[in-house]
Amino acid sequence: MSPPSRLVLMDMDGGVDDLMALALLLTIPNVEVIGVLVTPADCYLEPALSATRKLLALRQRTEIPVAGSQVRGQNPFPALFRKDAFILDLLPGLNDRDREGPPLASEEGSAFLIRRLQEARRPVTLLVTGPLTHLAEALAQEPGLAYAVEELLWMGGALDVPGNVDPLLEPGHDGTAEWNAYWDPPAVQKVLRSSIPIRMFPLDVTEKVPVTPDLVRRLARQRHYPLSDLAAQAYATVAWSGYRMWDVLTTAWLARPELFTFEDMEIEVELEGRSQGRIRRRPGGRRVQVATHVDVERFYAFVLEAWAR
């Protein structure tokens, strides 16, 4: 048997779409998940860790190590956003029976990230669907760690579309930043200054894949499959709110890269002022691959098929 084509370590903040991204990741052939790290950004840590471990138990993947973190960002997510972790942890699809989830790793945060990268038998793909704080901390502690990373896949930033930082919730901000970047702009800058190849999935492309009532109904019609049932339950809680499949879209690239179009860009991050956390083009900035388009219908079809197993 040929070895997996990629080793993947996921760093997520346990919101609805983060958990569904993990649910998709676990279905992708030729990917070996070597760890899941939960950042307390768009979630509260304890329910997010609990839901993550229940999902891994549901998929009989209890060999995958899980770690939490006490890291704090420069601009915390509002409590209104973070509460979804409590809802996820109580979803019927995760609680229909008692399951023994994987134990928590002894290390937390960047220490877990460092150890998993150092112990990996070949370079690792980092799938980050939250802020970049842990990676920035790991690089500060172990600068040579960049060579252990094959590629960074990051859901973050907004270039030619408005950000999702609401000035009504963040007075003084102009609304141009995306939350994963705004949570810790200095971490974004540190990662951009590294040598790690970066593939970025900004709001420009994720805005094209909303969670719609029709999607929830299509998932519900195949709810005899556990992941479809779980996804229907999870997305039903947010389908009314303009929610997007931010993290699921980013994860889908690992299985269906042909669905995406990328543009080579030079970018920087704003560290202060009314646009703090904004990602913008700048000649001479860090060169990254930015997802600009996705075949929307084929993406939805792929996700529905992946969760019908």
Protein backbone atom coordinates (compact mmCIF):
# COMPACT_ATOMS: atom_id res chain seq x y z
CA MET A 1 0.00 0.00 0.00
CA SER A 2 1.35 3.43 -0.93
CA PRO A 3 1.86 5.87 1.95
CA PRO A 4 -0.59 8.75 2.48
CA SER A 5 0.15 11.67 0.19
CA ARG A 6 -0.10 14.19 3.01
CA LEU A 7 0.37 14.38 6.75
CA VAL A 8 -2.09 16.98 8.06
CA LEU A 9 -2.20 18.75 11.42
CA MET A 10 -5.34 20.82 11.99
CA ASP A 11 -5.45 23.94 14.17
CA MET A 12 -9.05 25.06 14.54
CA ASP A 13 -11.23 27.17 16.79
CA GLY A 14 -14.21 24.98 17.55
CA GLY A 15 -17.06 26.77 15.83
CA VAL A 16 -19.74 25.08 13.73
CA ASP A 17 -17.81 25.21 10.47
CA ASP A 18 -14.52 24.21 12.11
CA LEU A 19 -16.07 21.00 13.42
CA MET A 20 -17.64 20.31 10.03
CA ALA A 21 -14.24 20.90 8.41
CA LEU A 22 -12.80 18.21 10.66
CA ALA A 23 -15.71 15.96 9.72
CA LEU A 24 -14.80 16.47 6.06
CA LEU A 25 -11.06 16.04 6.65
CA LEU A 26 -11.66 12.61 8.17
CA THR A 27 -13.29 11.41 4.92
CA ILE A 28 -10.45 12.41 2.57
CA PRO A 29 -8.39 9.50 1.23
CA ASN A 30 -4.60 9.66 1.22
CA VAL A 31 -4.55 12.10 4.15
CA GLU A 32 -3.19 11.11 7.54
CA VAL A 33 -4.35 13.41 10.34
CA ILE A 34 -1.56 13.57 12.91
CA GLY A 35 -3.23 15.91 15.40
CA VAL A 36 -6.00 18.40 16.14
CA LEU A 37 -5.32 21.57 18.13
CA VAL A 38 -8.22 23.68 19.41
CA THR A 39 -7.67 27.43 19.74
CA PRO A 40 -10.09 29.24 22.10
CA ALA A 41 -10.87 31.98 19.59
CA ASP A 42 -14.32 31.57 18.01
CA CYS A 43 -15.33 29.14 20.79
CA TYR A 44 -15.12 28.37 24.46
CA LEU A 45 -12.43 25.79 24.96
CA GLU A 46 -14.02 23.07 27.10
CA PRO A 47 -17.15 22.43 24.98
CA ALA A 48 -15.09 22.73 21.78
CA LEU A 49 -12.63 20.10 23.01
CA SER A 50 -15.48 17.86 24.10
CA ALA A 51 -17.25 18.11 20.73
CA THR A 52 -13.98 17.45 18.88
CA ARG A 53 -13.27 14.30 20.87
CA LYS A 54 -16.85 13.08 20.40
CA LEU A 55 -16.55 13.54 16.64
CA LEU A 56 -13.31 11.58 16.52
CA ALA A 57 -14.96 8.82 18.57
CA LEU A 58 -17.95 8.82 16.20
CA ARG A 59 -15.57 8.29 13.29
CA GLN A 60 -13.56 5.69 15.25
CA ARG A 61 -10.43 7.82 14.96
CA THR A 62 -9.39 7.89 18.60
CA GLU A 63 -5.73 7.41 17.63
CA ILE A 64 -5.59 11.10 16.58
CA PRO A 65 -4.14 13.21 19.42
CA VAL A 66 -6.10 16.28 20.53
CA ALA A 67 -4.81 19.31 22.42
CA GLY A 68 -6.26 22.52 23.77
CA SER A 69 -4.73 25.89 24.50
CA GLN A 70 -4.97 28.84 26.85
CA VAL A 71 -3.68 31.31 24.24
CA ARG A 72 -5.42 34.68 24.02
CA GLY A 73 -5.72 36.97 21.03
CA GLN A 74 -5.24 40.69 20.79
CA ASN A 75 -8.91 41.18 19.81
CA PRO A 76 -11.21 38.55 21.39
CA PHE A 77 -14.22 37.19 19.52
CA PRO A 78 -17.56 38.38 20.94
CA ALA A 79 -19.25 35.99 23.38
CA LEU A 80 -22.20 35.87 20.96
CA PHE A 81 -20.01 34.03 18.44
CA ARG A 82 -18.23 31.77 20.89
CA LYS A 83 -21.39 30.23 22.39
CA ASP A 84 -21.87 27.91 19.39
CA ALA A 85 -19.38 25.49 20.94
CA PHE A 86 -21.90 24.71 23.69
CA ILE A 87 -24.56 23.95 21.07
CA LEU A 88 -22.21 21.69 19.12
CA ASP A 89 -21.27 19.69 22.19
CA LEU A 90 -24.95 18.89 22.81
CA LEU A 91 -25.95 17.93 19.26
CA PRO A 92 -27.85 14.59 19.16
CA GLY A 93 -25.48 13.25 16.50
CA LEU A 94 -22.61 13.43 19.00
CA ASN A 95 -24.56 12.26 22.04
CA ASP A 96 -26.74 9.35 20.89
CA ARG A 97 -24.46 7.01 22.85
CA ASP A 98 -21.44 7.13 25.13
CA ARG A 99 -18.21 7.00 23.17
CA GLU A 100 -14.66 7.00 24.45
CA GLY A 101 -12.87 9.90 22.77
CA PRO A 102 -9.10 10.28 22.51
CA PRO A 103 -7.37 11.54 25.66
CA LEU A 104 -6.04 15.07 25.68
CA ALA A 105 -2.34 15.46 24.90
CA SER A 106 -0.09 16.39 27.79
CA GLU A 107 1.16 19.52 25.97
CA GLU A 108 -0.96 22.52 25.09
CA GLY A 109 -0.93 25.04 22.27
CA SER A 110 2.35 25.75 20.53
CA ALA A 111 4.19 23.03 22.51
CA PHE A 112 1.84 20.44 20.98
CA LEU A 113 2.34 21.92 17.53
CA ILE A 114 6.12 21.87 17.89
CA ARG A 115 6.24 18.27 19.08
CA ARG A 116 3.95 16.94 16.36
CA LEU A 117 5.98 18.72 13.65
CA GLN A 118 9.31 17.56 15.05
CA GLU A 119 8.16 13.96 15.35
CA ALA A 120 6.58 13.78 11.89
CA ARG A 121 8.37 11.48 9.48
CA ARG A 122 8.10 14.01 6.66
CA PRO A 123 6.95 17.65 6.20
CA VAL A 124 3.42 18.36 7.37
CA THR A 125 0.53 20.30 5.85
CA LEU A 126 -0.90 22.70 8.43
CA LEU A 127 -4.66 23.24 8.05
CA VAL A 128 -5.48 26.33 10.10
CA THR A 129 -9.13 27.39 10.20
CA GLY A 130 -8.65 29.90 13.00
CA PRO A 131 -5.99 32.44 13.99
CA LEU A 132 -2.29 31.88 13.34
CA THR A 133 -1.16 32.44 16.92
CA HIS A 134 0.11 28.94 17.67
CA LEU A 135 2.16 28.77 14.50
CA ALA A 136 3.65 32.21 15.17
CA GLU A 137 4.57 31.16 18.71
CA ALA A 138 6.08 27.89 17.48
CA LEU A 139 8.24 29.71 14.92
CA ALA A 140 9.42 32.16 17.56
CA GLN A 141 10.49 29.28 19.81
CA GLU A 142 11.90 27.07 17.04
CA PRO A 143 12.79 29.15 13.94
CA GLY A 144 13.94 26.06 12.04
CA LEU A 145 10.48 24.56 12.37
CA ALA A 146 9.46 26.16 9.06
CA TYR A 147 11.28 23.35 7.26
CA ALA A 148 8.94 20.81 8.88
CA VAL A 149 5.92 22.46 7.19
CA GLU A 150 5.14 21.41 3.64
CA GLU A 151 2.43 24.02 3.24
CA LEU A 152 0.07 26.20 5.28
CA LEU A 153 -3.59 26.19 4.28
CA TRP A 154 -5.19 29.14 6.05
CA MET A 155 -8.77 30.31 6.09
CA GLY A 156 -8.23 34.00 6.66
CA GLY A 157 -8.18 37.51 5.27
CA ALA A 158 -10.35 39.61 2.97
CA LEU A 159 -8.88 41.34 -0.06
CA ASP A 160 -11.44 42.73 -2.51
CA VAL A 161 -14.56 42.15 -0.40
CA PRO A 162 -15.61 43.69 2.92
CA GLY A 163 -14.31 42.06 6.08
CA ASN A 164 -16.52 40.39 8.66
CA VAL A 165 -15.38 42.40 11.68
CA ASP A 166 -18.53 44.39 12.47
CA PRO A 167 -17.82 47.98 13.56
CA LEU A 168 -20.96 47.80 15.72
CA LEU A 169 -19.29 45.05 17.76
CA GLU A 170 -15.77 46.48 17.43
CA PRO A 171 -16.13 50.28 17.72
CA GLY A 172 -13.36 52.13 15.97
CA HIS A 173 -12.74 49.46 13.33
CA ASP A 174 -13.61 50.17 9.69
CA GLY A 175 -14.91 46.64 8.93
CA THR A 176 -12.22 45.72 6.38
CA ALA A 177 -10.63 42.84 8.33
CA GLU A 178 -11.53 39.17 8.60
CA TRP A 179 -11.82 37.78 12.12
CA ASN A 180 -9.10 35.10 12.00
CA ALA A 181 -6.59 37.80 11.04
CA TYR A 182 -8.03 40.47 13.36
CA TRP A 183 -7.82 38.19 16.43
CA ASP A 184 -4.02 38.36 16.34
CA PRO A 185 -2.55 40.58 13.57
CA PRO A 186 1.06 40.32 14.84
CA ALA A 187 0.84 36.53 14.50
CA VAL A 188 -0.18 36.95 10.86
CA GLN A 189 2.82 39.19 10.29
CA LYS A 190 5.21 36.67 11.90
CA VAL A 191 3.90 33.84 9.73
CA LEU A 192 4.07 35.99 6.59
CA ARG A 193 7.73 36.68 7.37
CA SER A 194 8.51 32.95 7.53
CA SER A 195 9.59 30.77 4.62
CA ILE A 196 6.50 28.51 4.86
CA PRO A 197 4.58 28.18 1.57
CA ILE A 198 1.13 29.69 2.15
CA ARG A 199 -2.15 28.94 0.41
CA MET A 200 -4.80 31.40 1.64
CA PHE A 201 -8.58 31.07 1.43
CA PRO A 202 -9.97 34.57 2.09
CA LEU A 203 -13.56 35.79 2.32
CA ASP A 204 -13.34 36.61 -1.39
CA VAL A 205 -13.82 32.91 -2.18
CA THR A 206 -15.60 31.64 0.94
CA GLU A 207 -18.40 34.16 0.45
CA LYS A 208 -19.39 32.15 -2.62
CA VAL A 209 -20.48 29.11 -0.56
CA PRO A 210 -23.22 30.07 1.91
CA VAL A 211 -24.93 27.64 4.25
CA THR A 212 -28.47 27.77 2.91
CA PRO A 213 -31.75 26.20 4.06
CA ASP A 214 -31.67 24.18 0.84
CA LEU A 215 -28.29 22.71 1.77
CA VAL A 216 -29.62 21.74 5.21
CA ARG A 217 -32.63 20.06 3.59
CA ARG A 218 -30.37 18.14 1.17
CA LEU A 219 -28.26 16.95 4.09
CA ALA A 220 -31.38 15.99 6.02
CA ARG A 221 -32.59 13.83 3.12
CA GLN A 222 -29.49 11.68 3.53
CA ARG A 223 -29.49 11.77 7.32
CA HIS A 224 -29.25 7.98 7.53
CA TYR A 225 -25.53 8.67 7.07
CA PRO A 226 -24.10 9.83 10.43
CA LEU A 227 -22.01 12.70 9.06
CA SER A 228 -24.89 14.05 6.97
CA ASP A 229 -27.12 13.86 10.03
CA LEU A 230 -24.54 15.68 12.14
CA ALA A 231 -23.94 18.35 9.49
CA ALA A 232 -27.69 18.93 9.06
CA GLN A 233 -28.07 19.40 12.81
CA ALA A 234 -25.06 21.71 13.09
CA TYR A 235 -25.82 23.87 10.06
CA ALA A 236 -29.52 24.14 10.98
CA THR A 237 -28.42 26.27 13.94
CA VAL A 238 -26.78 28.88 11.70
CA ALA A 239 -28.42 28.64 8.24
CA TRP A 240 -30.59 31.66 9.00
CA SER A 241 -27.64 33.94 9.79
CA GLY A 242 -25.69 34.43 6.56
CA TYR A 243 -23.22 31.72 7.58
CA ARG A 244 -20.61 30.50 5.10
CA MET A 245 -18.70 27.23 4.66
CA TRP A 246 -15.42 29.01 5.30
CA ASP A 247 -13.46 26.14 6.81
CA VAL A 248 -15.11 23.31 4.90
CA LEU A 249 -14.18 25.06 1.65
CA THR A 250 -10.56 25.37 2.77
CA THR A 251 -10.45 21.70 3.75
CA ALA A 252 -12.03 20.62 0.45
CA TRP A 253 -8.91 21.74 -1.43
CA LEU A 254 -7.06 18.73 0.00
CA ALA A 255 -9.43 16.40 -1.85
CA ARG A 256 -10.51 18.42 -4.89
CA PRO A 257 -7.86 21.00 -5.82
CA GLU A 258 -9.15 21.10 -9.39
CA LEU A 259 -12.25 22.97 -8.18
CA PHE A 260 -10.18 26.04 -7.24
CA THR A 261 -8.48 28.92 -9.03
CA PHE A 262 -5.56 30.68 -7.35
CA GLU A 263 -3.75 33.95 -7.94
CA ASP A 264 -0.17 34.67 -6.96
CA MET A 265 -0.23 37.80 -4.76
CA GLU A 266 2.12 39.89 -2.65
CA ILE A 267 0.39 40.85 0.59
CA GLU A 268 0.84 42.45 4.02
CA VAL A 269 -1.26 42.80 7.20
CA GLU A 270 -2.25 46.03 8.93
CA LEU A 271 -1.08 45.93 12.57
CA GLU A 272 -2.87 48.95 14.02
CA GLY A 273 -5.41 51.67 13.37
CA ARG A 274 -8.96 51.47 12.02
CA SER A 275 -7.99 48.72 9.55
CA GLN A 276 -6.14 46.54 12.06
CA GLY A 277 -5.99 42.95 10.81
CA ARG A 278 -6.75 43.83 7.20
CA ILE A 279 -4.87 41.84 4.56
CA ARG A 280 -4.01 43.95 1.53
CA ARG A 281 -1.96 43.67 -1.62
CA ARG A 282 1.45 45.34 -1.47
CA PRO A 283 4.18 45.11 -4.12
CA GLY A 284 7.19 43.60 -2.43
CA GLY A 285 5.06 41.99 0.28
CA ARG A 286 4.96 38.30 1.09
CA ARG A 287 4.13 36.18 -1.95
CA VAL A 288 1.28 33.73 -1.32
CA GLN A 289 -1.22 31.70 -3.32
CA VAL A 290 -4.71 33.17 -2.84
CA ALA A 291 -7.89 31.27 -3.74
CA THR A 292 -10.05 33.52 -5.91
CA HIS A 293 -12.67 31.19 -7.42
CA VAL A 294 -14.31 27.84 -6.76
CA ASP A 295 -16.69 25.72 -8.84
CA VAL A 296 -19.60 26.20 -6.46
CA GLU A 297 -21.96 23.48 -7.68
CA ARG A 298 -19.24 20.85 -7.82
CA PHE A 299 -18.07 21.88 -4.36
CA TYR A 300 -21.53 21.37 -2.85
CA ALA A 301 -21.87 18.05 -4.68
CA PHE A 302 -18.49 16.90 -3.33
CA VAL A 303 -19.39 17.76 0.27
CA LEU A 304 -22.76 16.00 0.04
CA GLU A 305 -21.11 12.90 -1.39
CA ALA A 306 -18.30 12.92 1.17
CA TRP A 307 -20.77 12.97 4.06
CA ALA A 308 -22.92 10.22 2.49
CA ARG A 309 -20.65 7.44 3.73
